[in-house]
Amino acid sequence: MKMTNDIKELKECAENARKLYRVGKFNIVVAKALINPYLEAVNAKSIELAKKYNQKPKKLVFMLMLGKKINKTIESQTGYSKE
C-alpha cells in the first residue's frame, strides 16, 4: 500500500502518541483522540482495497495499536465497564 503524505503524517502523530502513552505522559483518552484519525484513514484504505479485490478488509484496532492489554486502565480512566 502506497502511503500518501497525509497518512504518513497521521502515522507519525499516532506513533508519537503511542510512545507518550506508554511512558505515562498521556492518558488513554488523549492517546485515542490522537491515534483514531490514523486508524480511520488506514481502515478506509483497507476497505477500498478489499472491495477492489473482492476480499475481506483487514482493519486496525485501537487496542492493537497500543500493543498491550489495558482493560483495567480504561475502566479506571473512563469509568466504562464491560458489565
C-alpha atoms as a PDB file:
ATOM      1  CA  MET A   1       0.000   0.000   0.000  1.00  0.00           C
ATOM      2  CA  LYS A   2       1.461   3.306  -1.085  1.00  0.00           C
ATOM      3  CA  MET A   3       1.244   5.844   1.706  1.00  0.00           C
ATOM      4  CA  THR A   4       0.268   9.407   0.951  1.00  0.00           C
ATOM      5  CA  ASN A   5       1.869  12.299   2.797  1.00  0.00           C
ATOM      6  CA  ASP A   6      -1.308  12.778   4.846  1.00  0.00           C
ATOM      7  CA  ILE A   7      -1.266   9.184   6.042  1.00  0.00           C
ATOM      8  CA  LYS A   8       2.465   9.413   6.804  1.00  0.00           C
ATOM      9  CA  GLU A   9       1.858  12.477   8.971  1.00  0.00           C
ATOM     10  CA  LEU A  10      -1.044  10.771  10.741  1.00  0.00           C
ATOM     11  CA  LYS A  11       1.124   7.692  11.325  1.00  0.00           C
ATOM     12  CA  GLU A  12       3.921   9.772  12.858  1.00  0.00           C
ATOM     13  CA  CYS A  13       1.413  11.500  15.135  1.00  0.00           C
ATOM     14  CA  ALA A  14      -0.116   8.148  16.139  1.00  0.00           C
ATOM     15  CA  GLU A  15       3.289   6.611  16.867  1.00  0.00           C
ATOM     16  CA  ASN A  16       4.292   9.602  18.991  1.00  0.00           C
ATOM     17  CA  ALA A  17       1.003   9.423  20.909  1.00  0.00           C
ATOM     18  CA  ARG A  18       1.571   5.704  21.481  1.00  0.00           C
ATOM     19  CA  LYS A  19       5.067   6.312  22.826  1.00  0.00           C
ATOM     20  CA  LEU A  20       3.909   9.110  25.115  1.00  0.00           C
ATOM     21  CA  TYR A  21       1.025   6.977  26.388  1.00  0.00           C
ATOM     22  CA  ARG A  22       3.361   4.092  27.172  1.00  0.00           C
ATOM     23  CA  VAL A  23       5.674   6.325  29.238  1.00  0.00           C
ATOM     24  CA  GLY A  24       2.726   7.860  31.077  1.00  0.00           C
ATOM     25  CA  LYS A  25       2.639  11.354  29.558  1.00  0.00           C
ATOM     26  CA  PHE A  26      -0.857  10.850  28.056  1.00  0.00           C
ATOM     27  CA  ASN A  27      -3.929   9.128  29.422  1.00  0.00           C
ATOM     28  CA  ILE A  28      -5.988   6.734  27.307  1.00  0.00           C
ATOM     29  CA  VAL A  29      -8.498   9.385  26.217  1.00  0.00           C
ATOM     30  CA  VAL A  30      -5.839  11.724  24.786  1.00  0.00           C
ATOM     31  CA  ALA A  31      -3.972   8.859  23.120  1.00  0.00           C
ATOM     32  CA  LYS A  32      -7.176   7.616  21.493  1.00  0.00           C
ATOM     33  CA  ALA A  33      -8.011  11.105  20.206  1.00  0.00           C
ATOM     34  CA  LEU A  34      -4.588  11.356  18.549  1.00  0.00           C
ATOM     35  CA  ILE A  35      -4.470   7.796  17.182  1.00  0.00           C
ATOM     36  CA  ASN A  36      -8.025   7.493  15.800  1.00  0.00           C
ATOM     37  CA  PRO A  37      -7.538   9.734  12.717  1.00  0.00           C
ATOM     38  CA  TYR A  38      -4.731   7.432  11.549  1.00  0.00           C
ATOM     39  CA  LEU A  39      -6.794   4.306  12.192  1.00  0.00           C
ATOM     40  CA  GLU A  40      -9.762   5.746  10.297  1.00  0.00           C
ATOM     41  CA  ALA A  41      -7.597   6.631   7.281  1.00  0.00           C
ATOM     42  CA  VAL A  42      -5.899   3.229   7.155  1.00  0.00           C
ATOM     43  CA  ASN A  43      -9.159   1.335   7.661  1.00  0.00           C
ATOM     44  CA  ALA A  44     -10.837   3.329   4.874  1.00  0.00           C
ATOM     45  CA  LYS A  45      -7.975   2.430   2.527  1.00  0.00           C
ATOM     46  CA  SER A  46      -8.204  -1.203   3.641  1.00  0.00           C
ATOM     47  CA  ILE A  47     -11.928  -1.300   2.848  1.00  0.00           C
ATOM     48  CA  GLU A  48     -11.303   0.322  -0.539  1.00  0.00           C
ATOM     49  CA  LEU A  49      -8.650  -2.238  -1.495  1.00  0.00           C
ATOM     50  CA  ALA A  50     -10.709  -5.147  -0.154  1.00  0.00           C
ATOM     51  CA  LYS A  51     -13.654  -4.152  -2.337  1.00  0.00           C
ATOM     52  CA  LYS A  52     -11.381  -3.813  -5.351  1.00  0.00           C
ATOM     53  CA  TYR A  53     -10.022  -7.344  -4.932  1.00  0.00           C
ATOM     54  CA  ASN A  54     -13.222  -8.892  -3.508  1.00  0.00           C
ATOM     55  CA  GLN A  55     -11.618  -9.663  -0.152  1.00  0.00           C
ATOM     56  CA  LYS A  56     -12.462  -9.108   3.491  1.00  0.00           C
ATOM     57  CA  PRO A  57     -10.804  -5.925   4.848  1.00  0.00           C
ATOM     58  CA  LYS A  58      -8.084  -6.227   7.490  1.00  0.00           C
ATOM     59  CA  LYS A  59      -8.775  -3.399   9.920  1.00  0.00           C
ATOM     60  CA  LEU A  60      -6.531  -1.922  12.580  1.00  0.00           C
ATOM     61  CA  VAL A  61      -7.972  -1.620  16.075  1.00  0.00           C
ATOM     62  CA  PHE A  62      -7.022   0.941  18.714  1.00  0.00           C
ATOM     63  CA  MET A  63      -6.038  -1.679  21.309  1.00  0.00           C
ATOM     64  CA  LEU A  64      -3.689  -3.393  18.866  1.00  0.00           C
ATOM     65  CA  MET A  65      -2.128  -0.041  18.043  1.00  0.00           C
ATOM     66  CA  LEU A  66      -1.188   0.369  21.715  1.00  0.00           C
ATOM     67  CA  GLY A  67       0.263  -3.115  21.759  1.00  0.00           C
ATOM     68  CA  LYS A  68      -0.893  -4.316  25.156  1.00  0.00           C
ATOM     69  CA  LYS A  69      -3.971  -5.255  27.146  1.00  0.00           C
ATOM     70  CA  ILE A  70      -5.204  -2.294  29.124  1.00  0.00           C
ATOM     71  CA  ASN A  71      -8.803  -3.087  30.075  1.00  0.00           C
ATOM     72  CA  LYS A  72      -8.348  -2.182  33.749  1.00  0.00           C
ATOM     73  CA  THR A  73      -6.643   1.080  32.787  1.00  0.00           C
ATOM     74  CA  ILE A  74      -9.556   2.015  30.537  1.00  0.00           C
ATOM     75  CA  GLU A  75     -12.060   1.212  33.272  1.00  0.00           C
ATOM     76  CA  SER A  76     -10.208   3.361  35.792  1.00  0.00           C
ATOM     77  CA  GLN A  77      -9.703   6.351  33.468  1.00  0.00           C
ATOM     78  CA  THR A  78     -13.082   6.417  31.723  1.00  0.00           C
ATOM     79  CA  GLY A  79     -15.433   4.775  34.211  1.00  0.00           C
ATOM     80  CA  TYR A  80     -16.562   2.356  31.489  1.00  0.00           C
ATOM     81  CA  SER A  81     -17.018  -1.284  32.429  1.00  0.00           C
ATOM     82  CA  LYS A  82     -17.981  -4.299  30.298  1.00  0.00           C
ATOM     83  CA  GLU A  83     -20.762  -5.348  32.697  1.00  0.00           C
END
